[in-house]
């Protein structure tokens, strides 16, 4: 799915958004995705904490597996990022409420996308 998100940013938002980093649990996957899109200067790595510290991004696109949506979103919000995440937002209502509180406290947008709804 990351390829779809990257393509959407490139095709529709390149005048206001720049991909500055790619994270994957497998470094080779992050590096390959960067190469596939010609991001020669993009940071690649396996640690979200390192990426958030090094890059200080304004927005995080969370296209991880559903089980990691909550901790990934929470870390990004706490680091001061707006977050766009695929559904589901979280595994349960308590986690969803925690994310909404974190977004509100940080003054950041937390958005959930359902990009395949009409396909």
C-alpha atoms as a PDB file:
ATOM      1  CA  UNK A   1       0.000   0.000   0.000  1.00  0.00           C
ATOM      2  CA  UNK A   2       2.865   2.400   0.545  1.00  0.00           C
ATOM      3  CA  UNK A   3       3.369   2.618  -3.199  1.00  0.00           C
ATOM      4  CA  UNK A   4      -0.211   3.797  -3.631  1.00  0.00           C
ATOM      5  CA  UNK A   5       0.194   6.450  -0.954  1.00  0.00           C
ATOM      6  CA  UNK A   6       3.491   7.646  -2.373  1.00  0.00           C
ATOM      7  CA  UNK A   7       1.987   7.830  -5.860  1.00  0.00           C
ATOM      8  CA  UNK A   8      -0.951   9.857  -4.543  1.00  0.00           C
ATOM      9  CA  UNK A   9       1.352  12.349  -2.819  1.00  0.00           C
ATOM     10  CA  UNK A  10       3.552  12.602  -5.902  1.00  0.00           C
ATOM     11  CA  UNK A  11       0.640  12.951  -8.335  1.00  0.00           C
ATOM     12  CA  UNK A  12      -1.627  15.257  -6.343  1.00  0.00           C
ATOM     13  CA  UNK A  13       0.300  17.013  -3.587  1.00  0.00           C
ATOM     14  CA  UNK A  14       3.883  17.438  -4.793  1.00  0.00           C
ATOM     15  CA  UNK A  15       3.427  21.218  -4.647  1.00  0.00           C
ATOM     16  CA  UNK A  16       2.929  21.038  -0.862  1.00  0.00           C
ATOM     17  CA  UNK A  17       4.297  17.715   0.367  1.00  0.00           C
ATOM     18  CA  UNK A  18       7.665  16.021   0.132  1.00  0.00           C
ATOM     19  CA  UNK A  19       8.455  12.419   1.052  1.00  0.00           C
ATOM     20  CA  UNK A  20      11.458  12.729   3.379  1.00  0.00           C
ATOM     21  CA  UNK A  21      11.651   9.244   4.867  1.00  0.00           C
ATOM     22  CA  UNK A  22      10.512   5.664   4.563  1.00  0.00           C
ATOM     23  CA  UNK A  23      10.389   3.140   7.392  1.00  0.00           C
ATOM     24  CA  UNK A  24       9.909  -0.609   7.216  1.00  0.00           C
ATOM     25  CA  UNK A  25      10.658  -3.469   9.567  1.00  0.00           C
ATOM     26  CA  UNK A  26      12.961  -4.685   6.782  1.00  0.00           C
ATOM     27  CA  UNK A  27      15.530  -2.047   5.807  1.00  0.00           C
ATOM     28  CA  UNK A  28      15.828  -3.519   2.316  1.00  0.00           C
ATOM     29  CA  UNK A  29      12.120  -2.878   1.740  1.00  0.00           C
ATOM     30  CA  UNK A  30      12.379   0.787   2.738  1.00  0.00           C
ATOM     31  CA  UNK A  31      15.448   1.216   0.552  1.00  0.00           C
ATOM     32  CA  UNK A  32      13.790  -0.505  -2.409  1.00  0.00           C
ATOM     33  CA  UNK A  33      10.679   1.663  -2.120  1.00  0.00           C
ATOM     34  CA  UNK A  34      12.865   4.787  -2.025  1.00  0.00           C
ATOM     35  CA  UNK A  35      14.768   3.599  -5.096  1.00  0.00           C
ATOM     36  CA  UNK A  36      11.553   2.675  -6.924  1.00  0.00           C
ATOM     37  CA  UNK A  37      10.366   6.266  -6.601  1.00  0.00           C
ATOM     38  CA  UNK A  38      13.744   7.930  -7.081  1.00  0.00           C
ATOM     39  CA  UNK A  39      13.981   9.304  -3.539  1.00  0.00           C
ATOM     40  CA  UNK A  40      17.767   9.438  -3.483  1.00  0.00           C
ATOM     41  CA  UNK A  41      17.841  11.824  -0.516  1.00  0.00           C
ATOM     42  CA  UNK A  42      15.111  10.161   1.560  1.00  0.00           C
ATOM     43  CA  UNK A  43      15.982   8.797   4.990  1.00  0.00           C
ATOM     44  CA  UNK A  44      15.377   5.041   5.204  1.00  0.00           C
ATOM     45  CA  UNK A  45      15.407   2.891   8.284  1.00  0.00           C
ATOM     46  CA  UNK A  46      13.627   0.481  10.569  1.00  0.00           C
ATOM     47  CA  UNK A  47      12.990   2.647  13.624  1.00  0.00           C
ATOM     48  CA  UNK A  48      10.014   4.976  13.859  1.00  0.00           C
ATOM     49  CA  UNK A  49      11.539   6.700  16.904  1.00  0.00           C
ATOM     50  CA  UNK A  50      14.774   7.383  15.007  1.00  0.00           C
ATOM     51  CA  UNK A  51      12.876   8.702  11.983  1.00  0.00           C
ATOM     52  CA  UNK A  52      10.693  11.004  14.066  1.00  0.00           C
ATOM     53  CA  UNK A  53      13.755  12.367  15.865  1.00  0.00           C
ATOM     54  CA  UNK A  54      15.907  12.784  12.759  1.00  0.00           C
ATOM     55  CA  UNK A  55      13.277  14.085  10.354  1.00  0.00           C
ATOM     56  CA  UNK A  56      10.783  15.954  12.529  1.00  0.00           C
ATOM     57  CA  UNK A  57       8.101  15.354   9.866  1.00  0.00           C
ATOM     58  CA  UNK A  58       4.925  17.394   9.703  1.00  0.00           C
ATOM     59  CA  UNK A  59       2.796  14.441   8.589  1.00  0.00           C
ATOM     60  CA  UNK A  60       3.067  10.693   8.981  1.00  0.00           C
ATOM     61  CA  UNK A  61       1.308   8.332   6.575  1.00  0.00           C
ATOM     62  CA  UNK A  62       0.676   5.152   8.549  1.00  0.00           C
ATOM     63  CA  UNK A  63       0.305   2.183   6.223  1.00  0.00           C
ATOM     64  CA  UNK A  64       1.498  -0.437   8.682  1.00  0.00           C
ATOM     65  CA  UNK A  65      -0.367  -3.641   9.481  1.00  0.00           C
ATOM     66  CA  UNK A  66      -3.526  -3.064  11.565  1.00  0.00           C
ATOM     67  CA  UNK A  67      -1.953  -4.408  14.771  1.00  0.00           C
ATOM     68  CA  UNK A  68       0.561  -1.571  14.774  1.00  0.00           C
ATOM     69  CA  UNK A  69      -1.771   1.292  13.854  1.00  0.00           C
ATOM     70  CA  UNK A  70      -2.248   2.349  17.467  1.00  0.00           C
ATOM     71  CA  UNK A  71       1.388   2.532  18.636  1.00  0.00           C
ATOM     72  CA  UNK A  72       2.545   4.066  15.355  1.00  0.00           C
ATOM     73  CA  UNK A  73      -0.139   6.749  15.389  1.00  0.00           C
ATOM     74  CA  UNK A  74       0.402   7.484  19.075  1.00  0.00           C
ATOM     75  CA  UNK A  75       4.163   7.916  18.638  1.00  0.00           C
ATOM     76  CA  UNK A  76       3.677  10.194  15.630  1.00  0.00           C
ATOM     77  CA  UNK A  77       1.077  12.354  17.387  1.00  0.00           C
ATOM     78  CA  UNK A  78       3.284  12.664  20.467  1.00  0.00           C
ATOM     79  CA  UNK A  79       6.130  13.734  18.170  1.00  0.00           C
ATOM     80  CA  UNK A  80       3.969  16.525  16.757  1.00  0.00           C
ATOM     81  CA  UNK A  81       2.873  14.996  13.455  1.00  0.00           C
ATOM     82  CA  UNK A  82      -0.458  15.105  11.728  1.00  0.00           C
ATOM     83  CA  UNK A  83      -1.389  11.482  10.950  1.00  0.00           C
ATOM     84  CA  UNK A  84      -3.207   9.802   8.099  1.00  0.00           C
ATOM     85  CA  UNK A  85      -3.870   6.129   8.793  1.00  0.00           C
ATOM     86  CA  UNK A  86      -5.646   3.350   6.973  1.00  0.00           C
ATOM     87  CA  UNK A  87      -8.580   1.681   8.665  1.00  0.00           C
ATOM     88  CA  UNK A  88      -8.890   0.434  11.311  1.00  0.00           C
ATOM     89  CA  UNK A  89      -7.826   3.313  13.501  1.00  0.00           C
ATOM     90  CA  UNK A  90      -7.186   1.019  16.461  1.00  0.00           C
ATOM     91  CA  UNK A  91      -7.944  -2.454  17.798  1.00  0.00           C
ATOM     92  CA  UNK A  92     -10.519  -1.296  20.318  1.00  0.00           C
ATOM     93  CA  UNK A  93     -12.503   1.720  21.476  1.00  0.00           C
ATOM     94  CA  UNK A  94     -10.115   2.503  24.340  1.00  0.00           C
ATOM     95  CA  UNK A  95      -7.147   2.788  21.979  1.00  0.00           C
ATOM     96  CA  UNK A  96      -9.196   4.909  19.571  1.00  0.00           C
ATOM     97  CA  UNK A  97     -10.103   7.284  22.406  1.00  0.00           C
ATOM     98  CA  UNK A  98      -6.442   7.522  23.433  1.00  0.00           C
ATOM     99  CA  UNK A  99      -5.510   8.502  19.878  1.00  0.00           C
ATOM    100  CA  UNK A 100      -8.242  11.123  19.720  1.00  0.00           C
ATOM    101  CA  UNK A 101      -7.038  12.574  23.020  1.00  0.00           C
ATOM    102  CA  UNK A 102      -3.421  12.593  21.813  1.00  0.00           C
ATOM    103  CA  UNK A 103      -4.436  14.369  18.593  1.00  0.00           C
ATOM    104  CA  UNK A 104      -6.497  16.909  20.511  1.00  0.00           C
ATOM    105  CA  UNK A 105      -3.728  17.541  23.048  1.00  0.00           C
ATOM    106  CA  UNK A 106      -1.168  18.024  20.275  1.00  0.00           C
ATOM    107  CA  UNK A 107      -3.492  20.154  18.158  1.00  0.00           C
ATOM    108  CA  UNK A 108      -2.946  17.768  15.250  1.00  0.00           C
ATOM    109  CA  UNK A 109      -5.227  16.125  12.725  1.00  0.00           C
ATOM    110  CA  UNK A 110      -5.738  12.374  12.930  1.00  0.00           C
ATOM    111  CA  UNK A 111      -7.525  11.121   9.817  1.00  0.00           C
ATOM    112  CA  UNK A 112      -8.601   7.613   8.847  1.00  0.00           C
ATOM    113  CA  UNK A 113      -8.850   6.730   5.180  1.00  0.00           C
ATOM    114  CA  UNK A 114     -10.902   3.998   3.557  1.00  0.00           C
ATOM    115  CA  UNK A 115      -9.453   4.200   0.075  1.00  0.00           C
ATOM    116  CA  UNK A 116     -11.020   1.044  -1.345  1.00  0.00           C
ATOM    117  CA  UNK A 117     -14.610   1.705  -0.310  1.00  0.00           C
ATOM    118  CA  UNK A 118     -16.063   2.077  -3.808  1.00  0.00           C
ATOM    119  CA  UNK A 119     -13.836  -0.442  -5.614  1.00  0.00           C
END
